[in-house]
Amino acid sequence: MATQAEDLSVKVDLLDRYVHARMRLRALSASADNPNLRTCTRCGERVEMRYDQGGWSVCPLCGRFA
């Protein structure tokens, strides 16, 4: 029996939502273990911040100070 296109798109959407939820959960559990893992206010990525010589945190992707 063939699956209709509407049913298939609903199943793909549910799978996509599930995968993204699992990724968010994994990121949250990883951040509990690593206090340097934060969301950058400029680029929005969740990264491990570096420290510069003055003690400021720096996003390794965009270079913004936090």
C-alpha atoms as a PDB file:
ATOM      1  CA  MET A   1       0.000   0.000   0.000  1.00  0.00           C
ATOM      2  CA  ALA A   2       1.418   3.388  -0.975  1.00  0.00           C
ATOM      3  CA  THR A   3       1.720   6.306   1.429  1.00  0.00           C
ATOM      4  CA  GLN A   4       0.016   9.490   0.347  1.00  0.00           C
ATOM      5  CA  ALA A   5       2.175  12.590  -0.039  1.00  0.00           C
ATOM      6  CA  GLU A   6       0.294  14.421   2.744  1.00  0.00           C
ATOM      7  CA  ASP A   7       0.919  11.597   5.228  1.00  0.00           C
ATOM      8  CA  LEU A   8       4.566  11.438   4.250  1.00  0.00           C
ATOM      9  CA  SER A   9       5.121  15.171   4.762  1.00  0.00           C
ATOM     10  CA  VAL A  10       3.542  14.949   8.232  1.00  0.00           C
ATOM     11  CA  LYS A  11       5.839  12.059   9.150  1.00  0.00           C
ATOM     12  CA  VAL A  12       8.901  13.908   7.864  1.00  0.00           C
ATOM     13  CA  ASP A  13       7.894  17.004   9.857  1.00  0.00           C
ATOM     14  CA  LEU A  14       7.489  14.939  13.031  1.00  0.00           C
ATOM     15  CA  LEU A  15      10.864  13.285  12.508  1.00  0.00           C
ATOM     16  CA  ASP A  16      12.504  16.664  11.920  1.00  0.00           C
ATOM     17  CA  ARG A  17      10.995  18.101  15.112  1.00  0.00           C
ATOM     18  CA  TYR A  18      12.126  15.026  17.069  1.00  0.00           C
ATOM     19  CA  VAL A  19      15.703  15.225  15.770  1.00  0.00           C
ATOM     20  CA  HIS A  20      15.963  18.952  16.578  1.00  0.00           C
ATOM     21  CA  ALA A  21      14.541  18.385  20.072  1.00  0.00           C
ATOM     22  CA  ARG A  22      17.126  15.659  20.721  1.00  0.00           C
ATOM     23  CA  MET A  23      19.909  17.967  19.519  1.00  0.00           C
ATOM     24  CA  ARG A  24      18.719  20.751  21.860  1.00  0.00           C
ATOM     25  CA  LEU A  25      18.536  18.313  24.777  1.00  0.00           C
ATOM     26  CA  ARG A  26      22.049  17.069  24.079  1.00  0.00           C
ATOM     27  CA  ALA A  27      23.338  20.661  23.902  1.00  0.00           C
ATOM     28  CA  LEU A  28      21.694  21.518  27.224  1.00  0.00           C
ATOM     29  CA  SER A  29      23.152  18.483  28.964  1.00  0.00           C
ATOM     30  CA  ALA A  30      26.597  19.276  27.540  1.00  0.00           C
ATOM     31  CA  SER A  31      26.369  22.866  28.759  1.00  0.00           C
ATOM     32  CA  ALA A  32      25.701  21.686  32.304  1.00  0.00           C
ATOM     33  CA  ASP A  33      29.119  20.005  32.252  1.00  0.00           C
ATOM     34  CA  ASN A  34      30.919  22.901  30.558  1.00  0.00           C
ATOM     35  CA  PRO A  35      30.345  26.421  31.972  1.00  0.00           C
ATOM     36  CA  ASN A  36      32.213  28.010  29.027  1.00  0.00           C
ATOM     37  CA  LEU A  37      29.623  26.735  26.536  1.00  0.00           C
ATOM     38  CA  ARG A  38      27.345  29.714  25.917  1.00  0.00           C
ATOM     39  CA  THR A  39      25.214  31.306  23.229  1.00  0.00           C
ATOM     40  CA  CYS A  40      26.904  34.232  21.484  1.00  0.00           C
ATOM     41  CA  THR A  41      24.804  37.392  21.470  1.00  0.00           C
ATOM     42  CA  ARG A  42      26.057  38.424  18.031  1.00  0.00           C
ATOM     43  CA  CYS A  43      26.022  35.261  15.894  1.00  0.00           C
ATOM     44  CA  GLY A  44      23.586  33.175  17.989  1.00  0.00           C
ATOM     45  CA  GLU A  45      25.745  30.046  17.918  1.00  0.00           C
ATOM     46  CA  ARG A  46      26.260  27.929  21.028  1.00  0.00           C
ATOM     47  CA  VAL A  47      30.040  27.721  21.366  1.00  0.00           C
ATOM     48  CA  GLU A  48      32.771  27.290  23.942  1.00  0.00           C
ATOM     49  CA  MET A  49      33.965  30.804  24.721  1.00  0.00           C
ATOM     50  CA  ARG A  50      37.694  31.553  24.862  1.00  0.00           C
ATOM     51  CA  TYR A  51      39.281  33.901  27.373  1.00  0.00           C
ATOM     52  CA  ASP A  52      41.541  36.700  26.229  1.00  0.00           C
ATOM     53  CA  GLN A  53      44.349  38.303  28.245  1.00  0.00           C
ATOM     54  CA  GLY A  54      42.059  40.802  29.948  1.00  0.00           C
ATOM     55  CA  GLY A  55      39.758  38.084  31.277  1.00  0.00           C
ATOM     56  CA  TRP A  56      36.968  38.703  28.754  1.00  0.00           C
ATOM     57  CA  SER A  57      35.225  35.840  26.976  1.00  0.00           C
ATOM     58  CA  VAL A  58      35.518  35.830  23.178  1.00  0.00           C
ATOM     59  CA  CYS A  59      33.335  33.982  20.664  1.00  0.00           C
ATOM     60  CA  PRO A  60      35.663  31.916  18.435  1.00  0.00           C
ATOM     61  CA  LEU A  61      33.293  32.238  15.454  1.00  0.00           C
ATOM     62  CA  CYS A  62      32.651  35.965  15.218  1.00  0.00           C
ATOM     63  CA  GLY A  63      35.159  37.449  17.684  1.00  0.00           C
ATOM     64  CA  ARG A  64      32.615  39.312  19.836  1.00  0.00           C
ATOM     65  CA  PHE A  65      33.551  39.975  23.457  1.00  0.00           C
ATOM     66  CA  ALA A  66      31.172  38.807  26.168  1.00  0.00           C
END
